Amino acid sequence: MILNPLVMIFIQKEVNTYTDAVNWFKKNDIPLYGINENPDQSSWTTSPKPYCHIYIDDAALGCPLIQELNQRPYVDWYTVWKWLKEYKII
C-alpha cells in the first residue's frame, strides 16, 4: 500500500480534449497530483521525467487497455479503478 500516493496522468492531447479523463478522477474521488507534469518537481530536480508514485498512461507497459475495432487502444478505466481499490490507493 502506498500512503498518500501522488497520482498523475499523462495525456497527449490538447488541454480542452482531456476533460473526460480528469472528470473520471473527480467523479471517483481520486485526487490528481498533476496532469502531464509534477507541479513541485522543479524545486528539487532538473530532471524532465516527472516523478510520481503511480503512472497511468496508455503507452505504459502493463496498462490495461480496451481495443475496439479500427480505433487506437485506450485505458480501461474500470480496471484501473479496481486495481487502485485492490491496492488500497483509493
C-alpha atoms as a PDB file:
ATOM      1  CA  MET A   1       0.000   0.000   0.000  1.00  0.00           C
ATOM      2  CA  ILE A   2       1.226   3.485  -0.846  1.00  0.00           C
ATOM      3  CA  LEU A   3       0.366   6.109   1.753  1.00  0.00           C
ATOM      4  CA  ASN A   4      -0.752   9.378   0.210  1.00  0.00           C
ATOM      5  CA  PRO A   5       0.055   8.383  -3.366  1.00  0.00           C
ATOM      6  CA  LEU A   6       0.887  11.003  -5.951  1.00  0.00           C
ATOM      7  CA  VAL A   7      -1.312  10.073  -8.903  1.00  0.00           C
ATOM      8  CA  MET A   8      -0.624  11.816 -12.188  1.00  0.00           C
ATOM      9  CA  ILE A   9      -1.934  11.212 -15.666  1.00  0.00           C
ATOM     10  CA  PHE A  10      -0.169  11.859 -18.927  1.00  0.00           C
ATOM     11  CA  ILE A  11      -2.350  12.760 -21.866  1.00  0.00           C
ATOM     12  CA  GLN A  12      -1.026  13.626 -25.299  1.00  0.00           C
ATOM     13  CA  LYS A  13      -3.934  15.809 -26.326  1.00  0.00           C
ATOM     14  CA  GLU A  14      -4.873  19.460 -26.301  1.00  0.00           C
ATOM     15  CA  VAL A  15      -5.899  20.786 -22.884  1.00  0.00           C
ATOM     16  CA  ASN A  16      -9.582  21.015 -23.772  1.00  0.00           C
ATOM     17  CA  THR A  17      -9.785  17.403 -25.005  1.00  0.00           C
ATOM     18  CA  TYR A  18      -8.751  15.549 -21.858  1.00  0.00           C
ATOM     19  CA  THR A  19     -11.698  16.737 -19.796  1.00  0.00           C
ATOM     20  CA  ASP A  20     -13.284  13.252 -19.778  1.00  0.00           C
ATOM     21  CA  ALA A  21     -10.269  11.671 -18.067  1.00  0.00           C
ATOM     22  CA  VAL A  22      -9.976  14.437 -15.481  1.00  0.00           C
ATOM     23  CA  ASN A  23     -13.711  14.250 -14.780  1.00  0.00           C
ATOM     24  CA  TRP A  24     -13.454  10.466 -14.287  1.00  0.00           C
ATOM     25  CA  PHE A  25     -10.953  11.004 -11.492  1.00  0.00           C
ATOM     26  CA  LYS A  26     -13.137  13.696  -9.902  1.00  0.00           C
ATOM     27  CA  LYS A  27     -16.243  11.503 -10.142  1.00  0.00           C
ATOM     28  CA  ASN A  28     -14.398   8.660  -8.409  1.00  0.00           C
ATOM     29  CA  ASP A  29     -12.936  10.917  -5.694  1.00  0.00           C
ATOM     30  CA  ILE A  30      -9.365  10.269  -6.801  1.00  0.00           C
ATOM     31  CA  PRO A  31      -7.243  13.388  -6.438  1.00  0.00           C
ATOM     32  CA  LEU A  32      -4.802  14.071  -9.234  1.00  0.00           C
ATOM     33  CA  TYR A  33      -1.463  15.444  -8.177  1.00  0.00           C
ATOM     34  CA  GLY A  34      -0.640  16.510 -11.702  1.00  0.00           C
ATOM     35  CA  ILE A  35      -1.598  16.323 -15.337  1.00  0.00           C
ATOM     36  CA  ASN A  36       1.367  15.880 -17.678  1.00  0.00           C
ATOM     37  CA  GLU A  37       3.711  17.265 -15.012  1.00  0.00           C
ATOM     38  CA  ASN A  38       4.729  17.121 -11.378  1.00  0.00           C
ATOM     39  CA  PRO A  39       3.864  20.611 -10.109  1.00  0.00           C
ATOM     40  CA  ASP A  40       6.543  20.637  -7.369  1.00  0.00           C
ATOM     41  CA  GLN A  41       9.371  18.848  -9.119  1.00  0.00           C
ATOM     42  CA  SER A  42      11.293  21.901 -10.312  1.00  0.00           C
ATOM     43  CA  SER A  43      12.013  22.776  -6.683  1.00  0.00           C
ATOM     44  CA  TRP A  44      14.164  19.657  -6.140  1.00  0.00           C
ATOM     45  CA  THR A  45      15.423  18.404  -9.526  1.00  0.00           C
ATOM     46  CA  THR A  46      16.118  19.474 -13.079  1.00  0.00           C
ATOM     47  CA  SER A  47      15.122  16.069 -14.462  1.00  0.00           C
ATOM     48  CA  PRO A  48      12.499  16.297 -17.211  1.00  0.00           C
ATOM     49  CA  LYS A  49      10.986  12.934 -16.212  1.00  0.00           C
ATOM     50  CA  PRO A  50       8.010  13.634 -13.939  1.00  0.00           C
ATOM     51  CA  TYR A  51       8.215  11.817 -10.607  1.00  0.00           C
ATOM     52  CA  CYS A  52       5.145  10.234  -9.036  1.00  0.00           C
ATOM     53  CA  HIS A  53       4.119   7.013  -7.301  1.00  0.00           C
ATOM     54  CA  ILE A  54       1.725   5.818  -9.996  1.00  0.00           C
ATOM     55  CA  TYR A  55       1.854   6.410 -13.741  1.00  0.00           C
ATOM     56  CA  ILE A  56      -1.305   5.796 -15.757  1.00  0.00           C
ATOM     57  CA  ASP A  57      -0.553   6.007 -19.458  1.00  0.00           C
ATOM     58  CA  ASP A  58      -1.963   4.088 -22.398  1.00  0.00           C
ATOM     59  CA  ALA A  59       1.585   3.598 -23.689  1.00  0.00           C
ATOM     60  CA  ALA A  60       2.902   2.228 -20.390  1.00  0.00           C
ATOM     61  CA  LEU A  61       3.796  -1.451 -20.244  1.00  0.00           C
ATOM     62  CA  GLY A  62       1.099  -3.283 -18.323  1.00  0.00           C
ATOM     63  CA  CYS A  63      -1.544  -0.564 -18.524  1.00  0.00           C
ATOM     64  CA  PRO A  64      -4.952  -2.210 -19.054  1.00  0.00           C
ATOM     65  CA  LEU A  65      -6.304  -1.264 -22.464  1.00  0.00           C
ATOM     66  CA  ILE A  66      -9.525  -1.576 -24.394  1.00  0.00           C
ATOM     67  CA  GLN A  67      -9.112  -2.338 -28.084  1.00  0.00           C
ATOM     68  CA  GLU A  68     -12.069  -1.532 -30.297  1.00  0.00           C
ATOM     69  CA  LEU A  69     -12.211  -2.241 -33.999  1.00  0.00           C
ATOM     70  CA  ASN A  70     -10.454   0.424 -36.082  1.00  0.00           C
ATOM     71  CA  GLN A  71      -9.521   2.529 -33.043  1.00  0.00           C
ATOM     72  CA  ARG A  72      -6.339   3.117 -31.108  1.00  0.00           C
ATOM     73  CA  PRO A  73      -6.343   1.222 -27.784  1.00  0.00           C
ATOM     74  CA  TYR A  74      -7.272   3.331 -24.770  1.00  0.00           C
ATOM     75  CA  VAL A  75      -7.053   2.978 -20.994  1.00  0.00           C
ATOM     76  CA  ASP A  76      -9.534   0.594 -19.399  1.00  0.00           C
ATOM     77  CA  TRP A  77     -10.504   2.970 -16.594  1.00  0.00           C
ATOM     78  CA  TYR A  78     -12.745   0.434 -14.866  1.00  0.00           C
ATOM     79  CA  THR A  79      -9.822  -1.966 -14.463  1.00  0.00           C
ATOM     80  CA  VAL A  80      -7.600   0.898 -13.282  1.00  0.00           C
ATOM     81  CA  TRP A  81     -10.238   1.782 -10.694  1.00  0.00           C
ATOM     82  CA  LYS A  82     -10.399  -1.853  -9.491  1.00  0.00           C
ATOM     83  CA  TRP A  83      -6.608  -2.019  -9.172  1.00  0.00           C
ATOM     84  CA  LEU A  84      -6.472   1.241  -7.232  1.00  0.00           C
ATOM     85  CA  LYS A  85      -9.140  -0.108  -4.862  1.00  0.00           C
ATOM     86  CA  GLU A  86      -7.437  -3.504  -4.528  1.00  0.00           C
ATOM     87  CA  TYR A  87      -4.128  -1.914  -3.557  1.00  0.00           C
ATOM     88  CA  LYS A  88      -5.894   0.489  -1.178  1.00  0.00           C
ATOM     89  CA  ILE A  89      -4.752   3.537  -3.079  1.00  0.00           C
ATOM     90  CA  ILE A  90      -8.286   4.864  -3.182  1.00  0.00           C
END
